[in-house]
Amino acid sequence: MNKSLQIVGKVLAVFVTLLVVAGPAAHAQTPAPSAARVVPEWLRRSVAYQIFPRNFSAQGDFNAITARLDELHDFGVDILWLMPIHPIGQERKKGSLGSPYSVRDFYAINPDYGTAADLKRLVQEAHQRGMKVALDIAAGHTSWDCVLMEHPEFYQKDDQGRIVSPNPAWTDVAALDYDNQGLRRYMIDVLKYWVREFDVDGFRCDVAFTVPTDFWETARAELASMNPDVIMFADASAKPELLSKAFDMDNSWPLLYAVSRAINGLSTAEFVVKSWQNTRQQFPAGALHMRFSDSQHEVRAVARFGIQGALAAQVMMLGLDGVPLFYNGMEVGDAAESADPALFEKLPVFWQPGGRPALREIYRDLIKLRKASPAFWNDEVTWLTNDVSDRVVSFMRQEDKQAFVMLVSFSNQPVKGTLALSDPAGFEPVSIRGMPEPSKNPLPEFQLGAYDWQIYQRVASK
């Protein structure tokens, strides 16, 4: 990992630790809105899949994605998030290919990915399968050779009038200035172009917190006039106001870092619960969060946590409230590099790795369970105490006719415990294809292996 990404990672880790330990008061700059925008019910039941087109296949183009749509649909994907598809800046680029977040022209398509016709076919084919497509937009900055450099008034400058980067570590990009009304109009027109010309369903907005909230609110209103069902995802996790009018959901970075610390033995499993609770206190009622354990900004989960640890982390994300996200081949346990260098190089997913459990089968069965069970569709999570809470998280998801108890161990050793459950009668272990048959020991007693997990279900009698 290069020094700039190491710096960013350390800063984020410290920041997230403060969020979890100190709670909302540590970062509340403005009062949280009283309620989040109302999101469509289908979104709460959905599963998202993030694609890095360059590394999704050996070909690295749109057609290779289209060829796998049946597979993604069968897996249970509802939303395809395509990382930036635009031409990449060459001036001050990182690595041999550069970051897709260093955009040279927001109206153009990276020729390595294919043509406009190829993208339109991808979107059309996804729609035919009932899937939606969201484009990744890095609206806060551009490459240093972007076409927008013809408008230097669109950029932030230092005291000497020189254009600056938005962050000292982000040397390959230049910061845009949203005090300029011309820039605002330009960027809204960019978003409308992709909806109008390519029928995309919405946008994931990179580092959305670096762009004024009122811009996003105006953009959302104009996009909704074109497509009332447009979806907007914010790459942000500590700015509740973004979910008031502009965005449907944001990232749950604090939860990921809490899980990372627990799995790596730097914190107890209780730290994970505290993180979730602090976010719930910080955000308005009804706020929706994307739950993920793998990312383009991190070393792959299987490399950070090991296969079993990575599986346990994603199982928890699938069981919690919010929208679970899968990243670019994680369903086969891909261990190709991510972040640096993969963000700047060609390192395609290896789709047939050896020595892996049946991850695709396991995840597919968990997704089916989630989609078939209304208990997972609401935003109510009841955290249950247990007598080994430093190593095991336990929680319940429920609605009128069914309830699920989930146990996830973040320990590298087997663990036995007792769950504080007032009425354990009727809970039966759930079998998941690809996994060994679960223990038949009745709750409240439980026994888990290293980085193990188990799901129990109770269905009310009619």
Protein backbone atom coordinates (compact mmCIF):
# COMPACT_ATOMS: atom_id res chain seq x y z
CA MET A 1 0.00 0.00 0.00
CA ASN A 2 1.45 3.39 -0.90
CA LYS A 3 2.04 6.04 1.73
CA SER A 4 -0.93 8.20 0.76
CA LEU A 5 -3.42 5.37 1.22
CA GLN A 6 -1.78 4.37 4.47
CA ILE A 7 -2.26 7.90 5.75
CA VAL A 8 -5.91 7.94 4.67
CA GLY A 9 -6.49 4.53 6.27
CA LYS A 10 -4.95 5.62 9.58
CA VAL A 11 -6.95 8.84 9.65
CA LEU A 12 -10.17 6.96 8.93
CA ALA A 13 -9.42 4.37 11.59
CA VAL A 14 -8.84 7.05 14.24
CA PHE A 15 -11.94 8.98 13.14
CA VAL A 16 -14.17 5.92 13.25
CA THR A 17 -12.82 4.92 16.66
CA LEU A 18 -13.82 8.35 17.94
CA LEU A 19 -17.29 7.93 16.44
CA VAL A 20 -17.82 4.60 18.14
CA VAL A 21 -16.36 5.49 21.52
CA ALA A 22 -17.62 9.04 21.93
CA GLY A 23 -20.87 8.68 20.02
CA PRO A 24 -22.77 11.33 18.10
CA ALA A 25 -21.44 14.27 20.11
CA ALA A 26 -17.93 13.63 18.78
CA HIS A 27 -18.85 14.65 15.25
CA ALA A 28 -22.22 16.39 15.28
CA GLN A 29 -21.70 19.69 13.46
CA THR A 30 -25.36 20.38 12.74
CA PRO A 31 -28.49 19.00 14.41
CA ALA A 32 -29.69 15.76 12.84
CA PRO A 33 -32.90 16.10 10.83
CA SER A 34 -36.00 14.77 12.56
CA ALA A 35 -36.64 12.15 9.89
CA ALA A 36 -34.95 10.61 6.89
CA ARG A 37 -36.54 10.73 3.46
CA VAL A 38 -39.01 7.92 2.86
CA VAL A 39 -37.38 5.25 0.70
CA PRO A 40 -39.27 2.71 -1.40
CA GLU A 41 -39.96 -0.57 0.35
CA TRP A 42 -38.25 -2.57 -2.39
CA LEU A 43 -34.97 -0.85 -1.51
CA ARG A 44 -35.08 -2.14 2.07
CA ARG A 45 -35.44 -5.68 0.68
CA SER A 46 -32.71 -5.31 -1.94
CA VAL A 47 -29.14 -6.52 -2.33
CA ALA A 48 -26.52 -4.37 -4.08
CA TYR A 49 -23.46 -5.46 -6.03
CA GLN A 50 -20.50 -3.17 -6.72
CA ILE A 51 -18.63 -3.71 -9.99
CA PHE A 52 -15.19 -2.38 -10.89
CA PRO A 53 -15.47 -2.89 -14.69
CA ARG A 54 -11.71 -2.93 -15.26
CA ASN A 55 -11.16 -5.79 -12.83
CA PHE A 56 -14.50 -7.61 -12.98
CA SER A 57 -13.22 -9.66 -15.92
CA ALA A 58 -10.11 -10.31 -18.00
CA GLN A 59 -11.74 -8.28 -20.78
CA GLY A 60 -12.52 -5.43 -18.40
CA ASP A 61 -15.48 -4.08 -20.38
CA PHE A 62 -19.25 -3.66 -20.32
CA ASN A 63 -19.92 -6.71 -22.47
CA ALA A 64 -18.20 -8.97 -19.95
CA ILE A 65 -20.56 -7.63 -17.28
CA THR A 66 -23.60 -8.16 -19.50
CA ALA A 67 -22.49 -11.76 -20.04
CA ARG A 68 -22.73 -12.41 -16.27
CA LEU A 69 -26.09 -10.75 -15.63
CA ASP A 70 -27.94 -14.08 -15.41
CA GLU A 71 -25.44 -15.23 -12.81
CA LEU A 72 -25.81 -12.02 -10.80
CA HIS A 73 -29.59 -12.18 -11.03
CA ASP A 74 -29.58 -15.81 -9.85
CA PHE A 75 -27.31 -14.77 -6.98
CA GLY A 76 -30.01 -12.35 -5.82
CA VAL A 77 -28.67 -8.97 -6.94
CA ASP A 78 -31.19 -6.13 -7.29
CA ILE A 79 -28.87 -3.14 -7.83
CA LEU A 80 -25.70 -2.98 -9.91
CA TRP A 81 -23.37 -0.19 -8.84
CA LEU A 82 -20.83 0.51 -11.58
CA MET A 83 -17.70 2.29 -10.40
CA PRO A 84 -16.85 5.37 -12.53
CA ILE A 85 -17.07 4.59 -16.24
CA HIS A 86 -15.45 7.78 -17.53
CA PRO A 87 -12.05 8.37 -19.20
CA ILE A 88 -9.28 8.51 -16.59
CA GLY A 89 -6.94 11.47 -16.24
CA GLN A 90 -3.32 10.94 -17.24
CA GLU A 91 -1.72 13.97 -15.64
CA ARG A 92 -0.44 13.13 -12.13
CA LYS A 93 -2.14 9.72 -12.34
CA LYS A 94 -1.34 6.98 -9.85
CA GLY A 95 -0.05 3.65 -11.11
CA SER A 96 0.05 2.69 -14.77
CA LEU A 97 -3.68 3.11 -15.44
CA GLY A 98 -4.85 5.64 -12.88
CA SER A 99 -7.86 5.75 -10.58
CA PRO A 100 -11.37 5.66 -12.07
CA TYR A 101 -12.21 8.40 -9.57
CA SER A 102 -9.86 10.77 -11.43
CA VAL A 103 -12.33 11.76 -14.15
CA ARG A 104 -11.27 13.51 -17.35
CA ASP A 105 -14.74 13.99 -18.87
CA PHE A 106 -18.04 13.36 -17.05
CA TYR A 107 -19.93 13.15 -20.35
CA ALA A 108 -17.68 10.47 -21.90
CA ILE A 109 -17.15 6.71 -21.56
CA ASN A 110 -13.76 5.12 -20.96
CA PRO A 111 -13.02 3.51 -24.35
CA ASP A 112 -11.46 0.53 -22.57
CA TYR A 113 -14.95 -0.27 -21.27
CA GLY A 114 -16.68 -0.19 -24.65
CA THR A 115 -19.09 2.08 -26.46
CA ALA A 116 -22.24 3.97 -25.60
CA ALA A 117 -24.18 1.19 -27.32
CA ASP A 118 -22.48 -1.38 -25.07
CA LEU A 119 -23.49 0.54 -21.95
CA LYS A 120 -27.06 0.97 -23.17
CA ARG A 121 -27.27 -2.76 -23.82
CA LEU A 122 -25.96 -3.50 -20.31
CA VAL A 123 -28.60 -1.26 -18.74
CA GLN A 124 -31.38 -2.67 -20.93
CA GLU A 125 -30.40 -6.26 -20.19
CA ALA A 126 -30.24 -5.52 -16.46
CA HIS A 127 -33.71 -3.97 -16.59
CA GLN A 128 -35.08 -7.02 -18.38
CA ARG A 129 -33.97 -9.07 -15.37
CA GLY A 130 -35.52 -6.66 -12.89
CA MET A 131 -32.20 -5.17 -11.80
CA LYS A 132 -31.41 -1.48 -11.49
CA VAL A 133 -28.16 0.22 -12.50
CA ALA A 134 -26.47 3.06 -10.57
CA LEU A 135 -23.44 4.94 -11.86
CA ASP A 136 -20.65 6.11 -9.57
CA ILE A 137 -20.15 9.89 -9.76
CA ALA A 138 -17.11 11.60 -8.22
CA ALA A 139 -18.65 15.08 -8.14
CA GLY A 140 -16.19 16.67 -5.73
CA HIS A 141 -13.10 16.61 -7.90
CA THR A 142 -11.67 15.92 -11.37
CA SER A 143 -8.41 14.86 -12.94
CA TRP A 144 -5.79 17.55 -13.57
CA ASP A 145 -6.35 17.26 -17.32
CA CYS A 146 -10.16 17.29 -17.14
CA VAL A 147 -12.09 19.18 -19.81
CA LEU A 148 -13.40 21.38 -16.98
CA MET A 149 -9.92 22.88 -16.60
CA GLU A 150 -11.08 25.22 -19.37
CA HIS A 151 -13.10 26.80 -16.55
CA PRO A 152 -10.56 27.49 -13.79
CA GLU A 153 -13.31 29.35 -11.93
CA PHE A 154 -14.86 25.92 -11.27
CA TYR A 155 -11.94 24.91 -9.00
CA GLN A 156 -10.83 25.62 -5.46
CA LYS A 157 -7.58 27.60 -5.15
CA ASP A 158 -5.00 28.44 -2.50
CA ASP A 159 -3.90 31.94 -1.48
CA GLN A 160 -1.63 32.13 -4.51
CA GLY A 161 -4.49 31.32 -6.88
CA ARG A 162 -3.27 27.78 -7.62
CA ILE A 163 -5.79 24.96 -8.02
CA VAL A 164 -5.56 22.52 -5.10
CA SER A 165 -6.35 18.91 -4.32
CA PRO A 166 -9.28 18.22 -1.98
CA ASN A 167 -6.98 16.23 0.30
CA PRO A 168 -3.15 16.19 0.52
CA ALA A 169 -3.17 12.43 -0.14
CA TRP A 170 -5.36 12.74 -3.25
CA THR A 171 -2.61 14.09 -5.48
CA ASP A 172 -4.18 12.82 -8.70
CA VAL A 173 -7.31 14.98 -8.45
CA ALA A 174 -8.24 18.68 -8.26
CA ALA A 175 -10.98 20.04 -5.98
CA LEU A 176 -14.13 21.56 -7.47
CA ASP A 177 -15.66 24.74 -6.01
CA TYR A 178 -19.40 24.51 -5.45
CA ASP A 179 -19.63 28.19 -4.60
CA ASN A 180 -19.64 28.61 -8.37
CA GLN A 181 -23.19 28.45 -9.73
CA GLY A 182 -21.97 27.57 -13.22
CA LEU A 183 -20.31 24.43 -11.87
CA ARG A 184 -23.50 23.46 -10.05
CA ARG A 185 -25.50 23.76 -13.25
CA TYR A 186 -22.90 21.77 -15.18
CA MET A 187 -22.85 18.87 -12.72
CA ILE A 188 -26.64 18.63 -12.45
CA ASP A 189 -26.82 18.53 -16.24
CA VAL A 190 -24.25 15.70 -16.19
CA LEU A 191 -26.46 13.62 -13.90
CA LYS A 192 -29.54 14.32 -16.00
CA TYR A 193 -27.67 13.33 -19.16
CA TRP A 194 -26.97 9.79 -17.95
CA VAL A 195 -30.58 9.31 -16.84
CA ARG A 196 -31.99 10.70 -20.07
CA GLU A 197 -29.61 9.10 -22.58
CA PHE A 198 -28.81 5.77 -20.91
CA ASP A 199 -31.84 5.17 -18.68
CA VAL A 200 -29.69 4.59 -15.59
CA ASP A 201 -31.67 4.32 -12.37
CA GLY A 202 -29.55 6.51 -10.14
CA PHE A 203 -26.14 7.30 -8.73
CA ARG A 204 -23.70 6.38 -6.02
CA CYS A 205 -22.00 9.68 -5.14
CA ASP A 206 -18.35 9.39 -4.15
CA VAL A 207 -17.26 11.30 -1.02
CA ALA A 208 -20.64 13.05 -1.11
CA PHE A 209 -19.84 14.92 2.11
CA THR A 210 -17.26 17.06 0.21
CA VAL A 211 -20.08 18.60 -1.86
CA PRO A 212 -22.65 20.96 -0.26
CA THR A 213 -25.86 19.25 0.83
CA ASP A 214 -28.03 21.86 -0.88
CA PHE A 215 -26.45 20.94 -4.23
CA TRP A 216 -27.46 17.31 -3.75
CA GLU A 217 -30.96 18.32 -2.74
CA THR A 218 -31.37 20.44 -5.87
CA ALA A 219 -29.93 17.66 -8.03
CA ARG A 220 -32.27 15.11 -6.48
CA ALA A 221 -35.31 17.29 -7.16
CA GLU A 222 -34.37 17.78 -10.81
CA LEU A 223 -33.62 14.09 -11.33
CA ALA A 224 -36.92 13.13 -9.69
CA SER A 225 -38.74 15.30 -12.22
CA MET A 226 -37.30 13.00 -14.90
CA ASN A 227 -37.64 9.74 -12.97
CA PRO A 228 -39.59 9.78 -9.68
CA ASP A 229 -38.01 6.43 -8.78
CA VAL A 230 -34.40 7.62 -9.07
CA ILE A 231 -32.12 6.18 -6.36
CA MET A 232 -29.24 8.05 -4.72
CA PHE A 233 -26.53 6.54 -2.50
CA ALA A 234 -24.10 8.72 -0.53
CA ASP A 235 -20.52 7.74 0.07
CA ALA A 236 -20.67 9.21 3.56
CA SER A 237 -21.31 7.91 7.04
CA ALA A 238 -21.28 10.85 9.45
CA LYS A 239 -23.52 13.44 7.81
CA PRO A 240 -27.14 12.67 8.69
CA GLU A 241 -28.49 15.71 6.83
CA LEU A 242 -27.65 13.99 3.52
CA LEU A 243 -30.42 11.47 4.21
CA SER A 244 -33.06 14.09 4.89
CA LYS A 245 -33.95 15.05 1.30
CA ALA A 246 -31.11 14.15 -1.07
CA PHE A 247 -30.08 10.53 -0.54
CA ASP A 248 -31.82 7.22 0.06
CA MET A 249 -28.94 5.73 2.02
CA ASP A 250 -25.27 6.09 2.92
CA ASN A 251 -22.31 3.84 3.74
CA SER A 252 -21.84 2.30 7.18
CA TRP A 253 -18.08 2.81 7.43
CA PRO A 254 -18.01 2.99 11.24
CA LEU A 255 -19.59 -0.46 11.48
CA LEU A 256 -17.04 -1.93 9.06
CA TYR A 257 -14.14 -0.53 11.05
CA ALA A 258 -15.65 -1.78 14.29
CA VAL A 259 -15.94 -5.27 12.77
CA SER A 260 -12.35 -5.03 11.50
CA ARG A 261 -11.07 -4.17 14.95
CA ALA A 262 -13.04 -7.00 16.56
CA ILE A 263 -11.89 -9.65 14.08
CA ASN A 264 -8.28 -8.50 14.37
CA GLY A 265 -8.39 -8.64 18.16
CA LEU A 266 -8.00 -4.87 18.65
CA SER A 267 -11.43 -4.48 20.26
CA THR A 268 -14.07 -6.73 21.71
CA ALA A 269 -17.23 -7.76 19.88
CA GLU A 270 -19.09 -5.27 22.09
CA PHE A 271 -17.40 -2.51 20.08
CA VAL A 272 -19.45 -3.64 17.06
CA VAL A 273 -22.72 -3.32 18.95
CA LYS A 274 -21.70 0.09 20.27
CA SER A 275 -20.95 1.29 16.75
CA TRP A 276 -24.39 0.27 15.49
CA GLN A 277 -26.08 1.88 18.49
CA ASN A 278 -24.19 5.17 18.08
CA THR A 279 -25.18 5.37 14.43
CA ARG A 280 -28.80 4.73 15.36
CA GLN A 281 -28.65 7.59 17.87
CA GLN A 282 -26.92 9.92 15.44
CA PHE A 283 -29.22 9.46 12.45
CA PRO A 284 -32.90 10.35 12.05
CA ALA A 285 -35.65 7.76 12.25
CA GLY A 286 -35.90 5.64 9.13
CA ALA A 287 -32.33 6.27 7.95
CA LEU A 288 -31.06 3.52 5.66
CA HIS A 289 -27.44 2.36 5.52
CA MET A 290 -25.49 0.17 3.11
CA ARG A 291 -23.91 -2.74 4.99
CA PHE A 292 -20.63 -4.06 3.58
CA SER A 293 -17.45 -5.88 4.57
CA ASP A 294 -15.41 -5.60 1.36
CA SER A 295 -14.54 -2.45 -0.59
CA GLN A 296 -12.39 -0.94 -3.31
CA HIS A 297 -10.77 1.21 -0.61
CA GLU A 298 -9.59 -1.72 1.53
CA VAL A 299 -7.48 -4.84 1.21
CA ARG A 300 -9.87 -7.64 0.23
CA ALA A 301 -11.83 -9.03 3.18
CA VAL A 302 -10.49 -12.56 2.71
CA ALA A 303 -6.96 -11.18 2.99
CA ARG A 304 -7.77 -9.00 6.02
CA PHE A 305 -9.91 -11.48 7.94
CA GLY A 306 -9.21 -14.90 6.44
CA ILE A 307 -11.92 -16.88 4.65
CA GLN A 308 -13.94 -17.71 7.74
CA GLY A 309 -13.62 -14.25 9.23
CA ALA A 310 -14.69 -12.63 5.96
CA LEU A 311 -17.70 -14.94 5.77
CA ALA A 312 -18.69 -14.17 9.37
CA ALA A 313 -18.46 -10.42 8.74
CA GLN A 314 -20.65 -10.58 5.65
CA VAL A 315 -23.17 -12.88 7.33
CA MET A 316 -23.65 -10.23 9.99
CA MET A 317 -24.13 -7.55 7.31
CA LEU A 318 -26.75 -9.74 5.62
CA GLY A 319 -28.59 -10.18 8.91
CA LEU A 320 -28.69 -6.54 9.98
CA ASP A 321 -30.98 -3.74 8.90
CA GLY A 322 -30.05 -1.81 5.76
CA VAL A 323 -28.98 -2.90 2.29
CA PRO A 324 -26.22 -5.53 2.07
CA LEU A 325 -23.50 -4.95 -0.52
CA PHE A 326 -21.21 -7.40 -2.31
CA TYR A 327 -18.02 -6.20 -3.97
CA ASN A 328 -16.57 -7.43 -7.27
CA GLY A 329 -16.02 -11.17 -6.90
CA MET A 330 -16.24 -11.48 -3.13
CA GLU A 331 -18.87 -14.20 -3.59
CA VAL A 332 -16.08 -16.54 -4.74
CA GLY A 333 -13.58 -15.34 -2.15
CA ASP A 334 -11.46 -13.41 -4.63
CA ALA A 335 -8.19 -12.39 -2.99
CA ALA A 336 -6.80 -10.17 -5.75
CA GLU A 337 -5.38 -6.93 -4.42
CA SER A 338 -7.77 -4.06 -3.81
CA ALA A 339 -7.22 -0.38 -3.02
CA ASP A 340 -3.57 0.22 -3.93
CA PRO A 341 -2.52 -1.20 -6.33
CA ALA A 342 -5.76 -2.57 -7.81
CA LEU A 343 -7.41 0.87 -7.99
CA PHE A 344 -4.63 1.97 -10.34
CA GLU A 345 -3.76 -1.25 -12.20
CA LYS A 346 -5.33 -4.18 -14.04
CA LEU A 347 -5.85 -7.00 -11.52
CA PRO A 348 -8.91 -8.98 -12.61
CA VAL A 349 -11.05 -11.18 -10.41
CA PHE A 350 -10.07 -14.84 -10.51
CA TRP A 351 -13.47 -16.50 -10.67
CA GLN A 352 -12.38 -20.07 -9.90
CA PRO A 353 -10.07 -19.93 -6.87
CA GLY A 354 -9.21 -23.14 -5.09
CA GLY A 355 -9.33 -23.96 -1.40
CA ARG A 356 -12.52 -22.04 -0.70
CA PRO A 357 -15.77 -23.13 0.95
CA ALA A 358 -18.88 -22.91 -1.22
CA LEU A 359 -19.16 -19.16 -0.66
CA ARG A 360 -21.43 -18.42 -3.62
CA GLU A 361 -23.87 -21.13 -2.52
CA ILE A 362 -23.76 -19.96 1.10
CA TYR A 363 -24.35 -16.30 0.23
CA ARG A 364 -27.07 -17.15 -2.29
CA ASP A 365 -28.98 -19.17 0.32
CA LEU A 366 -28.61 -16.38 2.88
CA ILE A 367 -29.90 -13.85 0.35
CA LYS A 368 -32.89 -16.08 -0.41
CA LEU A 369 -33.62 -16.37 3.30
CA ARG A 370 -33.42 -12.60 3.71
CA LYS A 371 -35.71 -11.91 0.77
CA ALA A 372 -38.27 -14.49 1.83
CA SER A 373 -38.46 -13.29 5.44
CA PRO A 374 -40.25 -10.02 6.35
CA ALA A 375 -38.39 -10.01 9.67
CA PHE A 376 -35.33 -8.76 7.76
CA TRP A 377 -37.17 -6.00 5.89
CA ASN A 378 -37.72 -3.59 8.78
CA ASP A 379 -35.11 -1.50 10.57
CA GLU A 380 -35.62 -3.03 14.02
CA VAL A 381 -32.61 -4.86 15.47
CA THR A 382 -32.78 -6.19 19.03
CA TRP A 383 -29.31 -6.80 20.42
CA LEU A 384 -29.28 -9.74 22.82
CA THR A 385 -26.78 -10.12 25.62
CA ASN A 386 -24.77 -13.28 26.15
CA ASP A 387 -22.12 -14.31 28.63
CA VAL A 388 -19.29 -14.21 26.06
CA SER A 389 -20.21 -10.82 24.61
CA ASP A 390 -16.55 -9.87 24.27
CA ARG A 391 -16.31 -12.45 21.47
CA VAL A 392 -19.85 -13.05 20.15
CA VAL A 393 -22.51 -10.65 18.91
CA SER A 394 -26.11 -11.80 19.13
CA PHE A 395 -29.23 -10.11 17.84
CA MET A 396 -32.84 -10.73 16.87
CA ARG A 397 -34.79 -9.72 13.78
CA GLN A 398 -38.54 -10.17 14.03
CA GLU A 399 -42.01 -9.29 12.81
CA ASP A 400 -45.50 -10.56 13.69
CA LYS A 401 -45.17 -14.16 12.51
CA GLN A 402 -41.48 -14.94 12.62
CA ALA A 403 -38.30 -14.21 14.51
CA PHE A 404 -34.64 -14.92 13.84
CA VAL A 405 -31.76 -15.03 16.29
CA MET A 406 -28.29 -14.61 14.81
CA LEU A 407 -25.02 -15.41 16.57
CA VAL A 408 -21.69 -14.33 15.05
CA SER A 409 -18.33 -15.08 16.64
CA PHE A 410 -15.39 -12.74 16.07
CA SER A 411 -13.07 -15.02 18.02
CA ASN A 412 -10.26 -17.09 16.51
CA GLN A 413 -11.04 -19.80 19.07
CA PRO A 414 -14.12 -22.02 19.67
CA VAL A 415 -16.52 -20.52 22.16
CA LYS A 416 -19.41 -21.73 24.33
CA GLY A 417 -22.00 -19.43 25.81
CA THR A 418 -25.50 -18.77 27.03
CA LEU A 419 -27.87 -16.31 25.40
CA ALA A 420 -30.09 -14.03 27.47
CA LEU A 421 -33.33 -14.86 25.69
CA SER A 422 -36.57 -14.57 27.67
CA ASP A 423 -38.45 -17.14 25.58
CA PRO A 424 -36.14 -19.52 23.68
CA ALA A 425 -38.89 -22.07 23.01
CA GLY A 426 -39.54 -22.83 19.36
CA PHE A 427 -36.28 -21.55 17.91
CA GLU A 428 -34.79 -24.05 15.47
CA PRO A 429 -31.40 -23.84 13.72
CA VAL A 430 -31.54 -22.83 10.06
CA SER A 431 -29.73 -24.98 7.51
CA ILE A 432 -27.76 -23.06 4.90
CA ARG A 433 -26.63 -24.81 1.74
CA GLY A 434 -22.87 -25.02 1.52
CA MET A 435 -22.49 -25.10 5.30
CA PRO A 436 -22.29 -28.13 7.62
CA GLU A 437 -25.55 -29.06 9.29
CA PRO A 438 -25.98 -26.76 12.31
CA SER A 439 -25.81 -27.93 15.88
CA LYS A 440 -29.15 -29.14 17.22
CA ASN A 441 -28.41 -27.88 20.73
CA PRO A 442 -31.42 -25.80 21.82
CA LEU A 443 -31.11 -22.17 22.79
CA PRO A 444 -30.22 -20.47 25.07
CA GLU A 445 -27.00 -22.54 25.13
CA PHE A 446 -24.77 -22.26 22.07
CA GLN A 447 -21.42 -23.43 20.82
CA LEU A 448 -19.52 -21.84 17.92
CA GLY A 449 -16.22 -22.56 16.21
CA ALA A 450 -13.63 -19.93 15.35
CA TYR A 451 -15.27 -17.11 13.32
CA ASP A 452 -18.42 -19.22 13.27
CA TRP A 453 -22.06 -18.17 13.06
CA GLN A 454 -25.49 -19.68 13.43
CA ILE A 455 -29.05 -18.61 12.64
CA TYR A 456 -32.17 -19.74 14.50
CA GLN A 457 -35.75 -19.24 13.38
CA ARG A 458 -39.08 -19.34 15.16
CA VAL A 459 -42.35 -19.24 13.24
CA ALA A 460 -45.50 -18.34 15.14
CA SER A 461 -48.32 -20.86 15.03
CA LYS A 462 -51.36 -19.74 13.04
